[in-house]
Amino acid sequence: MLRFATMATQKKSYRPFTASTVAALISLALGTLSLTLAPASQASAVDSVSVKSINIDCHTAKAMQASNPTYQSAHQRTINCMMTELNSYQQQQRSARQRYFAYKAQAWLNYAYHEDSINSRSIAGKQAFEAADTILQALKSGTENRLDLTTDIPTTSALMRPDLWATLSALKDRQGIDQAPRELAYSEIALIWAAANHCQQGWRQSSAHFRMADRWLQQAREAYVNAHNSRDNVALEELINQYYKHYAPLDPSDDVCRGQTLANNISITKSQSL
């Protein structure tokens, strides 16, 4: 498609991002920084606070009212509470799979928070919140191994930028979450968020999230390459190419979001790569 190939020729008609989009991007960026820049000396304190918070019922308003600003909605306070619970599962002593899902749930919650903050009438926020809650409950019960690494794209979004989806899927298949659980989790939800924005408001409102996804996938790919030998890296490139050939036809030519089932598509691609 020419969605991104034509962006350079349209610069004269560029319009600034809306305030809500800027706020969402800042929130997402700050969420990332707050999880990665804490000094090592604070790790034990962070863990102790997070572990204690696991017993809090985030769906009970009384558990959150005392420590949250009154200008936040009840739903936003619930999201903040869930963010606190997820922090424990993002620590280095956790498995790569636990950290991947914890970061993925955080990204879903960022999306849900944004949708609530702009009073969106779309069901995207509800879908994002439910996806995050499912992950959190699995982490708390120790059943995250039952969660599928492959997430179907919800009906409010679509498979756009098949090149990035191909990289994401190939890195997952090659156990890339061992090197970059956060980057893979964030890039996946950014792709879903970006496509939803594209369907609703066009490329001007989606380009920032696509760039974010691209940057995180570049970091994940670099981490994988640095941790593996040349043979493994060649195999990764071959798998990315196979995924791209399979995903390219799924990119909607009419830019309409209808969702996309990925599980069956991925199994087909895997069988072709064996």
Protein backbone atom coordinates (compact mmCIF):
# COMPACT_ATOMS: atom_id res chain seq x y z
CA MET A 1 0.00 0.00 0.00
CA LEU A 2 1.05 3.62 -0.39
CA ARG A 3 0.03 4.60 3.13
CA PHE A 4 3.57 5.45 4.21
CA ALA A 5 5.28 5.80 0.86
CA THR A 6 3.27 8.95 0.16
CA MET A 7 3.78 10.62 3.52
CA ALA A 8 6.81 12.60 2.36
CA THR A 9 4.82 14.19 -0.47
CA GLN A 10 2.07 15.27 1.92
CA LYS A 11 4.19 17.27 4.37
CA LYS A 12 2.75 20.59 3.25
CA SER A 13 -0.69 19.50 4.43
CA TYR A 14 0.58 18.24 7.77
CA ARG A 15 -1.45 19.20 10.84
CA PRO A 16 -0.24 18.91 14.44
CA PHE A 17 -1.30 15.99 16.59
CA THR A 18 -4.34 16.60 18.73
CA ALA A 19 -3.83 17.31 22.41
CA SER A 20 -5.25 13.90 23.34
CA THR A 21 -2.79 12.11 21.07
CA VAL A 22 0.16 14.05 22.49
CA ALA A 23 -1.00 13.29 26.03
CA ALA A 24 -1.31 9.59 25.23
CA LEU A 25 2.18 9.45 23.73
CA ILE A 26 3.67 11.27 26.72
CA SER A 27 1.85 8.91 29.08
CA LEU A 28 3.14 5.88 27.21
CA ALA A 29 6.68 7.22 27.09
CA LEU A 30 6.70 8.12 30.77
CA GLY A 31 5.36 4.69 31.63
CA THR A 32 8.26 3.12 29.77
CA LEU A 33 10.86 5.35 31.43
CA SER A 34 9.54 4.87 34.93
CA LEU A 35 9.99 1.12 34.61
CA THR A 36 13.49 1.17 33.23
CA LEU A 37 15.28 4.06 34.93
CA ALA A 38 14.79 3.17 38.59
CA PRO A 39 18.20 2.84 40.31
CA ALA A 40 19.29 -0.65 41.26
CA SER A 41 19.38 0.41 44.93
CA GLN A 42 15.63 0.97 44.79
CA ALA A 43 14.79 -2.43 43.29
CA SER A 44 14.11 -4.17 46.58
CA ALA A 45 11.89 -1.32 47.77
CA VAL A 46 9.93 -1.37 44.52
CA ASP A 47 9.49 -5.13 44.76
CA SER A 48 8.27 -5.01 48.36
CA VAL A 49 5.67 -2.37 47.57
CA SER A 50 4.52 -4.20 44.45
CA VAL A 51 4.25 -7.57 46.16
CA LYS A 52 2.10 -6.08 48.90
CA SER A 53 -0.19 -4.54 46.29
CA ILE A 54 -0.97 -7.91 44.73
CA ASN A 55 -3.59 -8.55 47.41
CA ILE A 56 -5.48 -5.36 46.54
CA ASP A 57 -8.73 -5.76 44.64
CA CYS A 58 -8.39 -3.08 41.97
CA HIS A 59 -12.04 -3.44 41.07
CA THR A 60 -13.07 -2.23 44.54
CA ALA A 61 -13.22 1.56 44.57
CA LYS A 62 -12.51 1.84 48.33
CA ALA A 63 -9.10 0.27 47.82
CA MET A 64 -8.03 3.14 45.54
CA GLN A 65 -9.82 6.31 46.63
CA ALA A 66 -7.37 7.30 49.38
CA SER A 67 -4.26 7.39 47.17
CA ASN A 68 -5.60 8.66 43.84
CA PRO A 69 -6.44 12.19 42.64
CA THR A 70 -10.10 13.10 42.80
CA TYR A 71 -10.03 14.38 39.20
CA GLN A 72 -9.55 10.85 37.91
CA SER A 73 -12.54 8.76 36.96
CA ALA A 74 -13.25 5.56 38.86
CA HIS A 75 -12.14 3.62 35.78
CA GLN A 76 -8.84 5.51 35.64
CA ARG A 77 -8.22 4.79 39.34
CA THR A 78 -8.80 1.12 38.66
CA ILE A 79 -6.30 1.24 35.81
CA ASN A 80 -3.70 2.94 38.02
CA CYS A 81 -4.19 0.28 40.67
CA MET A 82 -3.68 -2.46 38.09
CA MET A 83 -0.51 -0.71 36.87
CA THR A 84 0.87 -0.92 40.40
CA GLU A 85 0.12 -4.62 40.58
CA LEU A 86 1.83 -5.25 37.25
CA ASN A 87 5.07 -3.64 38.42
CA SER A 88 6.02 -6.69 40.46
CA TYR A 89 5.90 -8.90 37.39
CA GLN A 90 8.17 -6.59 35.38
CA GLN A 91 11.20 -7.07 37.64
CA GLN A 92 14.34 -8.83 36.40
CA GLN A 93 13.92 -11.86 38.68
CA ARG A 94 10.72 -12.74 36.85
CA SER A 95 10.76 -14.97 33.77
CA ALA A 96 10.87 -13.41 30.32
CA ARG A 97 7.36 -14.69 29.69
CA GLN A 98 6.02 -13.06 32.86
CA ARG A 99 7.70 -9.76 32.01
CA TYR A 100 6.43 -9.90 28.43
CA PHE A 101 2.84 -10.32 29.55
CA ALA A 102 3.16 -7.74 32.34
CA TYR A 103 4.44 -5.14 29.87
CA LYS A 104 1.76 -6.14 27.40
CA ALA A 105 -0.93 -5.63 30.03
CA GLN A 106 0.56 -2.24 30.85
CA ALA A 107 0.41 -1.22 27.19
CA TRP A 108 -3.22 -2.34 27.00
CA LEU A 109 -3.97 -0.27 30.11
CA ASN A 110 -2.29 2.80 28.61
CA TYR A 111 -4.60 2.39 25.64
CA ALA A 112 -7.66 1.94 27.87
CA TYR A 113 -6.71 4.98 29.97
CA HIS A 114 -6.37 7.12 26.86
CA GLU A 115 -9.75 6.03 25.52
CA ASP A 116 -11.39 6.82 28.86
CA SER A 117 -9.66 10.21 29.13
CA ILE A 118 -11.08 11.38 25.80
CA ASN A 119 -14.53 9.90 26.51
CA SER A 120 -14.26 7.74 23.43
CA ARG A 121 -17.41 5.99 22.27
CA SER A 122 -15.39 3.25 20.63
CA ILE A 123 -15.28 -0.21 22.22
CA ALA A 124 -11.48 -0.13 21.85
CA GLY A 125 -11.00 0.99 25.44
CA LYS A 126 -13.22 -1.79 26.78
CA GLN A 127 -11.39 -4.39 24.70
CA ALA A 128 -8.01 -3.09 25.87
CA PHE A 129 -9.04 -3.10 29.53
CA GLU A 130 -10.45 -6.62 29.34
CA ALA A 131 -7.28 -7.88 27.64
CA ALA A 132 -5.13 -6.34 30.38
CA ASP A 133 -7.34 -7.73 33.15
CA THR A 134 -7.15 -11.24 31.68
CA ILE A 135 -3.35 -11.05 31.67
CA LEU A 136 -3.14 -9.65 35.21
CA GLN A 137 -5.41 -12.35 36.62
CA ALA A 138 -3.30 -15.02 34.91
CA LEU A 139 -0.10 -13.55 36.36
CA LYS A 140 -1.58 -13.39 39.85
CA SER A 141 -2.75 -17.00 39.67
CA GLY A 142 0.50 -18.25 38.12
CA THR A 143 -1.26 -19.44 34.96
CA GLU A 144 0.46 -17.15 32.44
CA ASN A 145 1.80 -20.22 30.61
CA ARG A 146 -1.76 -20.82 29.42
CA LEU A 147 -1.84 -17.45 27.69
CA ASP A 148 -1.16 -17.47 23.97
CA LEU A 149 1.73 -15.34 22.77
CA THR A 150 -0.27 -14.68 19.62
CA THR A 151 -2.88 -11.95 20.04
CA ASP A 152 -5.68 -11.65 17.52
CA ILE A 153 -6.16 -8.08 16.35
CA PRO A 154 -9.45 -6.71 17.79
CA THR A 155 -12.31 -5.57 15.59
CA THR A 156 -11.48 -1.91 16.22
CA SER A 157 -8.09 -2.33 14.53
CA ALA A 158 -6.48 -4.06 11.54
CA LEU A 159 -3.25 -5.60 10.31
CA MET A 160 -1.40 -2.60 8.91
CA ARG A 161 2.36 -2.38 8.37
CA PRO A 162 2.75 -6.11 7.61
CA ASP A 163 6.53 -5.62 7.62
CA LEU A 164 6.43 -4.76 11.32
CA TRP A 165 3.97 -7.54 12.15
CA ALA A 166 6.26 -9.97 10.31
CA THR A 167 9.24 -8.91 12.41
CA LEU A 168 7.20 -9.17 15.60
CA SER A 169 5.90 -12.66 14.83
CA ALA A 170 9.28 -13.98 13.72
CA LEU A 171 11.00 -12.70 16.86
CA LYS A 172 8.34 -14.40 18.98
CA ASP A 173 8.82 -17.68 17.12
CA ARG A 174 12.59 -17.47 17.65
CA GLN A 175 12.20 -16.86 21.42
CA GLY A 176 13.03 -13.19 21.06
CA ILE A 177 11.11 -12.42 24.24
CA ASP A 178 14.13 -13.78 26.15
CA GLN A 179 16.12 -10.75 25.01
CA ALA A 180 13.39 -8.11 24.61
CA PRO A 181 10.12 -8.88 26.43
CA ARG A 182 9.26 -5.21 26.94
CA GLU A 183 10.02 -4.08 23.39
CA LEU A 184 7.98 -6.88 21.81
CA ALA A 185 5.03 -6.29 24.13
CA TYR A 186 4.96 -2.53 23.58
CA SER A 187 5.40 -2.79 19.81
CA GLU A 188 2.48 -5.21 19.50
CA ILE A 189 -0.03 -2.94 21.24
CA ALA A 190 1.38 0.12 19.48
CA LEU A 191 0.64 -1.53 16.13
CA ILE A 192 -2.94 -2.27 17.21
CA TRP A 193 -3.40 1.27 18.56
CA ALA A 194 -1.88 2.85 15.45
CA ALA A 195 -4.12 0.97 13.04
CA ALA A 196 -7.22 1.86 15.07
CA ASN A 197 -6.22 5.53 14.91
CA HIS A 198 -5.59 5.23 11.18
CA CYS A 199 -9.06 3.86 10.53
CA GLN A 200 -10.68 6.59 12.62
CA GLN A 201 -8.56 9.65 11.82
CA GLY A 202 -6.08 8.86 9.06
CA TRP A 203 -2.30 8.60 8.90
CA ARG A 204 -1.59 11.92 10.64
CA GLN A 205 -2.93 10.52 13.91
CA SER A 206 -1.45 7.04 13.46
CA SER A 207 2.09 7.75 12.28
CA ALA A 208 3.50 8.44 15.75
CA HIS A 209 2.40 5.06 17.09
CA PHE A 210 3.69 3.28 13.99
CA ARG A 211 7.07 4.98 14.49
CA MET A 212 7.04 3.89 18.12
CA ALA A 213 6.38 0.28 17.13
CA ASP A 214 9.12 0.45 14.51
CA ARG A 215 11.65 1.77 17.03
CA TRP A 216 10.85 -0.89 19.64
CA LEU A 217 11.09 -3.65 17.06
CA GLN A 218 14.45 -2.34 15.90
CA GLN A 219 15.67 -2.53 19.49
CA ALA A 220 14.28 -6.05 19.91
CA ARG A 221 15.84 -7.20 16.65
CA GLU A 222 19.22 -5.74 17.62
CA ALA A 223 19.08 -7.46 21.01
CA TYR A 224 18.29 -10.77 19.34
CA VAL A 225 21.09 -10.44 16.76
CA ASN A 226 23.65 -9.58 19.43
CA ALA A 227 22.68 -12.65 21.46
CA HIS A 228 22.76 -15.20 18.61
CA ASN A 229 25.12 -16.59 16.02
CA SER A 230 25.01 -15.91 12.29
CA ARG A 231 23.07 -19.08 11.53
CA ASP A 232 20.27 -18.11 13.93
CA ASN A 233 20.20 -14.58 12.54
CA VAL A 234 19.89 -15.82 8.97
CA ALA A 235 17.01 -18.06 10.07
CA LEU A 236 15.32 -15.05 11.66
CA GLU A 237 15.58 -13.05 8.43
CA GLU A 238 14.13 -15.93 6.42
CA LEU A 239 11.22 -16.25 8.83
CA ILE A 240 10.53 -12.52 8.69
CA ASN A 241 10.34 -12.74 4.89
CA GLN A 242 7.93 -15.68 5.09
CA TYR A 243 5.70 -13.86 7.52
CA TYR A 244 5.70 -10.73 5.38
CA LYS A 245 4.58 -12.66 2.30
CA HIS A 246 1.78 -14.12 4.35
CA TYR A 247 0.70 -10.90 6.06
CA ALA A 248 0.94 -8.46 3.13
CA PRO A 249 -2.39 -9.54 1.58
CA LEU A 250 -4.10 -9.01 4.95
CA ASP A 251 -3.34 -5.28 4.98
CA PRO A 252 -6.78 -3.73 4.26
CA SER A 253 -6.71 -1.75 1.02
CA ASP A 254 -9.76 0.27 2.08
CA ASP A 255 -8.24 1.24 5.46
CA VAL A 256 -11.28 -0.14 7.28
CA CYS A 257 -10.74 -1.88 10.62
CA ARG A 258 -12.37 -5.29 10.91
CA GLY A 259 -9.90 -7.10 13.16
CA GLN A 260 -7.76 -10.04 12.14
CA THR A 261 -7.41 -13.59 13.39
CA LEU A 262 -3.72 -14.41 13.52
CA ALA A 263 -3.55 -17.84 15.19
CA ASN A 264 -4.46 -19.85 12.09
CA ASN A 265 -2.35 -17.64 9.85
CA ILE A 266 0.70 -18.10 12.05
CA SER A 267 0.33 -21.88 12.18
CA ILE A 268 0.28 -21.95 8.38
CA THR A 269 3.43 -19.87 8.17
CA LYS A 270 5.20 -22.04 10.74
CA SER A 271 4.40 -25.21 8.81
CA GLN A 272 5.86 -23.63 5.69
CA SER A 273 9.09 -22.73 7.51
CA LEU A 274 9.79 -26.23 8.87
